[in-house]
Amino acid sequence: MKVNVEIDCTPAEARAFLGLPDVTPLNEAMVSEMQKRMAENMAAMQPEELMKSWTGFGLQAQEQFRRMMEAATK
């Protein structure tokens, strides 16, 4: 025997029916905080700033690798 039950309701109605909490205020707060942080960090996303941070790390990594290889050969 096969029984199909189809329920037509919105996500909010389903949450209320199942007794789940309404997380809309929390979601809105999280989205606004993420938007604020993204707006504050837009200057770091400029190509010049990205290249500065990437090359700085790259040079440090190269120097550390060179020192590690020197230490291994001794």
PDB file of N, CA and C in Angstrom:
ATOM      1  N   MET A   1       0.853  -1.162   0.000  1.00  0.00           N
ATOM      2  CA  MET A   1       0.000   0.000   0.000  1.00  0.00           C
ATOM      3  C   MET A   1       0.903   1.230   0.000  1.00  0.00           C
ATOM      4  N   LYS A   2       0.539   2.216  -0.759  1.00  0.00           N
ATOM      5  CA  LYS A   2       1.312   3.441  -0.877  1.00  0.00           C
ATOM      6  C   LYS A   2       0.386   4.617  -0.626  1.00  0.00           C
ATOM      7  N   VAL A   3       0.790   5.484   0.297  1.00  0.00           N
ATOM      8  CA  VAL A   3      -0.024   6.650   0.632  1.00  0.00           C
ATOM      9  C   VAL A   3       0.822   7.891   0.413  1.00  0.00           C
ATOM     10  N   ASN A   4       0.294   8.831  -0.303  1.00  0.00           N
ATOM     11  CA  ASN A   4       0.963  10.104  -0.533  1.00  0.00           C
ATOM     12  C   ASN A   4       0.170  11.204   0.169  1.00  0.00           C
ATOM     13  N   VAL A   5       0.881  11.998   0.940  1.00  0.00           N
ATOM     14  CA  VAL A   5       0.252  13.138   1.594  1.00  0.00           C
ATOM     15  C   VAL A   5       0.958  14.384   1.090  1.00  0.00           C
ATOM     16  N   GLU A   6       0.200  15.307   0.557  1.00  0.00           N
ATOM     17  CA  GLU A   6       0.764  16.526   0.027  1.00  0.00           C
ATOM     18  C   GLU A   6       0.287  17.699   0.870  1.00  0.00           C
ATOM     19  N   ILE A   7       1.227  18.472   1.386  1.00  0.00           N
ATOM     20  CA  ILE A   7       0.894  19.622   2.227  1.00  0.00           C
ATOM     21  C   ILE A   7       1.389  20.872   1.523  1.00  0.00           C
ATOM     22  N   ASP A   8       0.508  21.823   1.378  1.00  0.00           N
ATOM     23  CA  ASP A   8       0.846  23.077   0.715  1.00  0.00           C
ATOM     24  C   ASP A   8       0.898  24.178   1.770  1.00  0.00           C
ATOM     25  N   CYS A   9       2.119  24.592   2.128  1.00  0.00           N
ATOM     26  CA  CYS A   9       2.265  25.663   3.110  1.00  0.00           C
ATOM     27  C   CYS A   9       3.585  26.383   2.876  1.00  0.00           C
ATOM     28  N   THR A  10       3.697  27.532   3.467  1.00  0.00           N
ATOM     29  CA  THR A  10       4.926  28.310   3.354  1.00  0.00           C
ATOM     30  C   THR A  10       5.952  27.767   4.341  1.00  0.00           C
ATOM     31  N   PRO A  11       7.232  28.107   4.172  1.00  0.00           N
ATOM     32  CA  PRO A  11       8.238  27.675   5.141  1.00  0.00           C
ATOM     33  C   PRO A  11       7.937  28.164   6.561  1.00  0.00           C
ATOM     34  N   ALA A  12       7.416  29.378   6.687  1.00  0.00           N
ATOM     35  CA  ALA A  12       7.078  29.907   8.014  1.00  0.00           C
ATOM     36  C   ALA A  12       5.957  29.089   8.654  1.00  0.00           C
ATOM     37  N   GLU A  13       4.965  28.713   7.852  1.00  0.00           N
ATOM     38  CA  GLU A  13       3.881  27.892   8.379  1.00  0.00           C
ATOM     39  C   GLU A  13       4.379  26.506   8.782  1.00  0.00           C
ATOM     40  N   ALA A  14       5.284  25.935   7.995  1.00  0.00           N
ATOM     41  CA  ALA A  14       5.835  24.621   8.327  1.00  0.00           C
ATOM     42  C   ALA A  14       6.631  24.681   9.625  1.00  0.00           C
ATOM     43  N   ARG A  15       7.446  25.743   9.806  1.00  0.00           N
ATOM     44  CA  ARG A  15       8.207  25.894  11.056  1.00  0.00           C
ATOM     45  C   ARG A  15       7.280  26.018  12.246  1.00  0.00           C
ATOM     46  N   ALA A  16       6.228  26.812  12.099  1.00  0.00           N
ATOM     47  CA  ALA A  16       5.284  26.988  13.201  1.00  0.00           C
ATOM     48  C   ALA A  16       4.574  25.679  13.520  1.00  0.00           C
ATOM     49  N   PHE A  17       4.193  24.926  12.505  1.00  0.00           N
ATOM     50  CA  PHE A  17       3.506  23.655  12.709  1.00  0.00           C
ATOM     51  C   PHE A  17       4.404  22.639  13.424  1.00  0.00           C
ATOM     52  N   LEU A  18       5.689  22.631  13.054  1.00  0.00           N
ATOM     53  CA  LEU A  18       6.636  21.690  13.656  1.00  0.00           C
ATOM     54  C   LEU A  18       7.206  22.184  14.984  1.00  0.00           C
ATOM     55  N   GLY A  19       6.872  23.403  15.360  1.00  0.00           N
ATOM     56  CA  GLY A  19       7.350  23.944  16.625  1.00  0.00           C
ATOM     57  C   GLY A  19       8.777  24.454  16.574  1.00  0.00           C
ATOM     58  N   LEU A  20       9.277  24.732  15.391  1.00  0.00           N
ATOM     59  CA  LEU A  20      10.634  25.251  15.256  1.00  0.00           C
ATOM     60  C   LEU A  20      10.637  26.763  15.479  1.00  0.00           C
ATOM     61  N   PRO A  21      11.739  27.303  15.977  1.00  0.00           N
ATOM     62  CA  PRO A  21      11.777  28.739  16.247  1.00  0.00           C
ATOM     63  C   PRO A  21      11.856  29.561  14.961  1.00  0.00           C
ATOM     64  N   ASP A  22      11.390  30.781  15.053  1.00  0.00           N
ATOM     65  CA  ASP A  22      11.484  31.716  13.937  1.00  0.00           C
ATOM     66  C   ASP A  22      12.850  32.394  14.021  1.00  0.00           C
ATOM     67  N   VAL A  23      13.714  32.118  13.065  1.00  0.00           N
ATOM     68  CA  VAL A  23      15.072  32.659  13.076  1.00  0.00           C
ATOM     69  C   VAL A  23      15.229  33.865  12.152  1.00  0.00           C
ATOM     70  N   THR A  24      14.129  34.439  11.727  1.00  0.00           N
ATOM     71  CA  THR A  24      14.194  35.584  10.824  1.00  0.00           C
ATOM     72  C   THR A  24      14.967  36.753  11.433  1.00  0.00           C
ATOM     73  N   PRO A  25      14.721  37.149  12.696  1.00  0.00           N
ATOM     74  CA  PRO A  25      15.500  38.264  13.249  1.00  0.00           C
ATOM     75  C   PRO A  25      17.002  37.954  13.323  1.00  0.00           C
ATOM     76  N   LEU A  26      17.348  36.748  13.671  1.00  0.00           N
ATOM     77  CA  LEU A  26      18.756  36.355  13.733  1.00  0.00           C
ATOM     78  C   LEU A  26      19.378  36.401  12.345  1.00  0.00           C
ATOM     79  N   ASN A  27      18.662  35.894  11.358  1.00  0.00           N
ATOM     80  CA  ASN A  27      19.153  35.904   9.988  1.00  0.00           C
ATOM     81  C   ASN A  27      19.358  37.333   9.494  1.00  0.00           C
ATOM     82  N   GLU A  28      18.425  38.210   9.772  1.00  0.00           N
ATOM     83  CA  GLU A  28      18.556  39.607   9.344  1.00  0.00           C
ATOM     84  C   GLU A  28      19.747  40.270  10.016  1.00  0.00           C
ATOM     85  N   ALA A  29      19.969  39.988  11.295  1.00  0.00           N
ATOM     86  CA  ALA A  29      21.112  40.561  12.012  1.00  0.00           C
ATOM     87  C   ALA A  29      22.422  40.052  11.418  1.00  0.00           C
ATOM     88  N   MET A  30      22.481  38.765  11.109  1.00  0.00           N
ATOM     89  CA  MET A  30      23.701  38.203  10.534  1.00  0.00           C
ATOM     90  C   MET A  30      23.985  38.785   9.151  1.00  0.00           C
ATOM     91  N   VAL A  31      22.961  38.920   8.336  1.00  0.00           N
ATOM     92  CA  VAL A  31      23.147  39.470   6.992  1.00  0.00           C
ATOM     93  C   VAL A  31      23.602  40.921   7.072  1.00  0.00           C
ATOM     94  N   SER A  32      23.016  41.714   7.957  1.00  0.00           N
ATOM     95  CA  SER A  32      23.432  43.115   8.069  1.00  0.00           C
ATOM     96  C   SER A  32      24.863  43.221   8.583  1.00  0.00           C
ATOM     97  N   GLU A  33      25.268  42.355   9.506  1.00  0.00           N
ATOM     98  CA  GLU A  33      26.655  42.363  10.004  1.00  0.00           C
ATOM     99  C   GLU A  33      27.624  41.981   8.897  1.00  0.00           C
ATOM    100  N   MET A  34      27.264  40.986   8.093  1.00  0.00           N
ATOM    101  CA  MET A  34      28.126  40.588   6.979  1.00  0.00           C
ATOM    102  C   MET A  34      28.250  41.713   5.952  1.00  0.00           C
ATOM    103  N   GLN A  35      27.147  42.395   5.671  1.00  0.00           N
ATOM    104  CA  GLN A  35      27.193  43.509   4.731  1.00  0.00           C
ATOM    105  C   GLN A  35      28.071  44.622   5.263  1.00  0.00           C
ATOM    106  N   LYS A  36      27.974  44.904   6.557  1.00  0.00           N
ATOM    107  CA  LYS A  36      28.793  45.953   7.160  1.00  0.00           C
ATOM    108  C   LYS A  36      30.271  45.592   7.060  1.00  0.00           C
ATOM    109  N   ARG A  37      30.624  44.360   7.391  1.00  0.00           N
ATOM    110  CA  ARG A  37      32.026  43.940   7.332  1.00  0.00           C
ATOM    111  C   ARG A  37      32.556  43.947   5.908  1.00  0.00           C
ATOM    112  N   MET A  38      31.736  43.541   4.957  1.00  0.00           N
ATOM    113  CA  MET A  38      32.173  43.556   3.568  1.00  0.00           C
ATOM    114  C   MET A  38      32.408  44.978   3.088  1.00  0.00           C
ATOM    115  N   ALA A  39      31.535  45.898   3.473  1.00  0.00           N
ATOM    116  CA  ALA A  39      31.705  47.294   3.074  1.00  0.00           C
ATOM    117  C   ALA A  39      32.969  47.883   3.685  1.00  0.00           C
ATOM    118  N   GLU A  40      33.277  47.501   4.934  1.00  0.00           N
ATOM    119  CA  GLU A  40      34.479  48.014   5.590  1.00  0.00           C
ATOM    120  C   GLU A  40      35.749  47.486   4.932  1.00  0.00           C
ATOM    121  N   ASN A  41      35.695  46.283   4.385  1.00  0.00           N
ATOM    122  CA  ASN A  41      36.889  45.654   3.821  1.00  0.00           C
ATOM    123  C   ASN A  41      37.001  45.785   2.307  1.00  0.00           C
ATOM    124  N   MET A  42      36.198  46.635   1.709  1.00  0.00           N
ATOM    125  CA  MET A  42      36.253  46.783   0.255  1.00  0.00           C
ATOM    126  C   MET A  42      37.596  47.342  -0.201  1.00  0.00           C
ATOM    127  N   ALA A  43      38.253  48.181   0.607  1.00  0.00           N
ATOM    128  CA  ALA A  43      39.548  48.743   0.219  1.00  0.00           C
ATOM    129  C   ALA A  43      40.587  47.641   0.083  1.00  0.00           C
ATOM    130  N   ALA A  44      40.494  46.610   0.888  1.00  0.00           N
ATOM    131  CA  ALA A  44      41.452  45.506   0.818  1.00  0.00           C
ATOM    132  C   ALA A  44      41.260  44.663  -0.430  1.00  0.00           C
ATOM    133  N   MET A  45      40.141  44.826  -1.099  1.00  0.00           N
ATOM    134  CA  MET A  45      39.872  44.028  -2.291  1.00  0.00           C
ATOM    135  C   MET A  45      40.373  44.703  -3.571  1.00  0.00           C
ATOM    136  N   GLN A  46      40.991  45.873  -3.444  1.00  0.00           N
ATOM    137  CA  GLN A  46      41.544  46.540  -4.618  1.00  0.00           C
ATOM    138  C   GLN A  46      42.731  45.735  -5.134  1.00  0.00           C
ATOM    139  N   PRO A  47      42.930  45.672  -6.435  1.00  0.00           N
ATOM    140  CA  PRO A  47      44.017  44.849  -6.983  1.00  0.00           C
ATOM    141  C   PRO A  47      45.398  45.189  -6.409  1.00  0.00           C
ATOM    142  N   GLU A  48      45.660  46.471  -6.199  1.00  0.00           N
ATOM    143  CA  GLU A  48      46.969  46.859  -5.673  1.00  0.00           C
ATOM    144  C   GLU A  48      47.181  46.306  -4.266  1.00  0.00           C
ATOM    145  N   GLU A  49      46.147  46.387  -3.436  1.00  0.00           N
ATOM    146  CA  GLU A  49      46.253  45.888  -2.066  1.00  0.00           C
ATOM    147  C   GLU A  49      46.394  44.370  -2.043  1.00  0.00           C
ATOM    148  N   LEU A  50      45.667  43.685  -2.910  1.00  0.00           N
ATOM    149  CA  LEU A  50      45.793  42.233  -2.984  1.00  0.00           C
ATOM    150  C   LEU A  50      47.206  41.822  -3.374  1.00  0.00           C
ATOM    151  N   MET A  51      47.777  42.502  -4.347  1.00  0.00           N
ATOM    152  CA  MET A  51      49.128  42.155  -4.789  1.00  0.00           C
ATOM    153  C   MET A  51      50.143  42.412  -3.676  1.00  0.00           C
ATOM    154  N   LYS A  52      49.961  43.495  -2.919  1.00  0.00           N
ATOM    155  CA  LYS A  52      50.879  43.777  -1.810  1.00  0.00           C
ATOM    156  C   LYS A  52      50.834  42.658  -0.781  1.00  0.00           C
ATOM    157  N   SER A  53      49.643  42.219  -0.414  1.00  0.00           N
ATOM    158  CA  SER A  53      49.540  41.178   0.601  1.00  0.00           C
ATOM    159  C   SER A  53      50.033  39.835   0.068  1.00  0.00           C
ATOM    160  N   TRP A  54      49.759  39.526  -1.193  1.00  0.00           N
ATOM    161  CA  TRP A  54      50.190  38.248  -1.748  1.00  0.00           C
ATOM    162  C   TRP A  54      51.704  38.196  -1.916  1.00  0.00           C
ATOM    163  N   THR A  55      52.306  39.281  -2.418  1.00  0.00           N
ATOM    164  CA  THR A  55      53.754  39.248  -2.632  1.00  0.00           C
ATOM    165  C   THR A  55      54.490  39.256  -1.301  1.00  0.00           C
ATOM    166  N   GLY A  56      53.964  39.940  -0.308  1.00  0.00           N
ATOM    167  CA  GLY A  56      54.608  39.927   1.012  1.00  0.00           C
ATOM    168  C   GLY A  56      54.648  38.527   1.582  1.00  0.00           C
ATOM    169  N   PHE A  57      53.562  37.821   1.466  1.00  0.00           N
ATOM    170  CA  PHE A  57      53.516  36.442   1.954  1.00  0.00           C
ATOM    171  C   PHE A  57      54.412  35.554   1.110  1.00  0.00           C
ATOM    172  N   GLY A  58      54.412  35.790  -0.186  1.00  0.00           N
ATOM    173  CA  GLY A  58      55.216  34.968  -1.083  1.00  0.00           C
ATOM    174  C   GLY A  58      56.703  35.096  -0.797  1.00  0.00           C
ATOM    175  N   LEU A  59      57.171  36.309  -0.538  1.00  0.00           N
ATOM    176  CA  LEU A  59      58.582  36.506  -0.243  1.00  0.00           C
ATOM    177  C   LEU A  59      58.955  35.881   1.089  1.00  0.00           C
ATOM    178  N   GLN A  60      58.082  35.997   2.067  1.00  0.00           N
ATOM    179  CA  GLN A  60      58.349  35.367   3.359  1.00  0.00           C
ATOM    180  C   GLN A  60      58.397  33.858   3.209  1.00  0.00           C
ATOM    181  N   ALA A  61      57.480  33.310   2.448  1.00  0.00           N
ATOM    182  CA  ALA A  61      57.443  31.866   2.259  1.00  0.00           C
ATOM    183  C   ALA A  61      58.693  31.390   1.532  1.00  0.00           C
ATOM    184  N   GLN A  62      59.147  32.147   0.544  1.00  0.00           N
ATOM    185  CA  GLN A  62      60.356  31.770  -0.179  1.00  0.00           C
ATOM    186  C   GLN A  62      61.563  31.778   0.753  1.00  0.00           C
ATOM    187  N   GLU A  63      61.664  32.798   1.575  1.00  0.00           N
ATOM    188  CA  GLU A  63      62.786  32.905   2.505  1.00  0.00           C
ATOM    189  C   GLU A  63      62.755  31.762   3.519  1.00  0.00           C
ATOM    190  N   GLN A  64      61.600  31.428   4.041  1.00  0.00           N
ATOM    191  CA  GLN A  64      61.484  30.323   4.995  1.00  0.00           C
ATOM    192  C   GLN A  64      61.840  28.990   4.322  1.00  0.00           C
ATOM    193  N   PHE A  65      61.422  28.807   3.090  1.00  0.00           N
ATOM    194  CA  PHE A  65      61.735  27.581   2.368  1.00  0.00           C
ATOM    195  C   PHE A  65      63.241  27.477   2.139  1.00  0.00           C
ATOM    196  N   ARG A  66      63.872  28.578   1.767  1.00  0.00           N
ATOM    197  CA  ARG A  66      65.315  28.582   1.552  1.00  0.00           C
ATOM    198  C   ARG A  66      66.055  28.226   2.833  1.00  0.00           C
ATOM    199  N   ARG A  67      65.628  28.832   3.981  1.00  0.00           N
ATOM    200  CA  ARG A  67      66.270  28.528   5.249  1.00  0.00           C
ATOM    201  C   ARG A  67      66.065  27.060   5.639  1.00  0.00           C
ATOM    202  N   MET A  68      64.889  26.524   5.370  1.00  0.00           N
ATOM    203  CA  MET A  68      64.614  25.138   5.682  1.00  0.00           C
ATOM    204  C   MET A  68      65.510  24.210   4.861  1.00  0.00           C
ATOM    205  N   MET A  69      65.692  24.539   3.589  1.00  0.00           N
ATOM    206  CA  MET A  69      66.556  23.714   2.739  1.00  0.00           C
ATOM    207  C   MET A  69      68.011  23.818   3.172  1.00  0.00           C
ATOM    208  N   GLU A  70      68.460  24.997   3.568  1.00  0.00           N
ATOM    209  CA  GLU A  70      69.826  25.154   4.061  1.00  0.00           C
ATOM    210  C   GLU A  70      70.038  24.337   5.317  1.00  0.00           C
ATOM    211  N   ALA A  71      69.052  24.350   6.220  1.00  0.00           N
ATOM    212  CA  ALA A  71      69.170  23.597   7.453  1.00  0.00           C
ATOM    213  C   ALA A  71      69.180  22.095   7.174  1.00  0.00           C
ATOM    214  N   ALA A  72      68.448  21.658   6.171  1.00  0.00           N
ATOM    215  CA  ALA A  72      68.381  20.235   5.855  1.00  0.00           C
ATOM    216  C   ALA A  72      69.678  19.734   5.233  1.00  0.00           C
ATOM    217  N   THR A  73      70.415  20.595   4.546  1.00  0.00           N
ATOM    218  CA  THR A  73      71.649  20.170   3.885  1.00  0.00           C
ATOM    219  C   THR A  73      72.839  20.173   4.823  1.00  0.00           C
ATOM    220  N   LYS A  74      72.704  20.753   5.999  1.00  0.00           N
ATOM    221  CA  LYS A  74      73.830  20.802   6.935  1.00  0.00           C
ATOM    222  C   LYS A  74      73.954  19.547   7.724  1.00  0.00           C
TER     223      LYS A  74
END
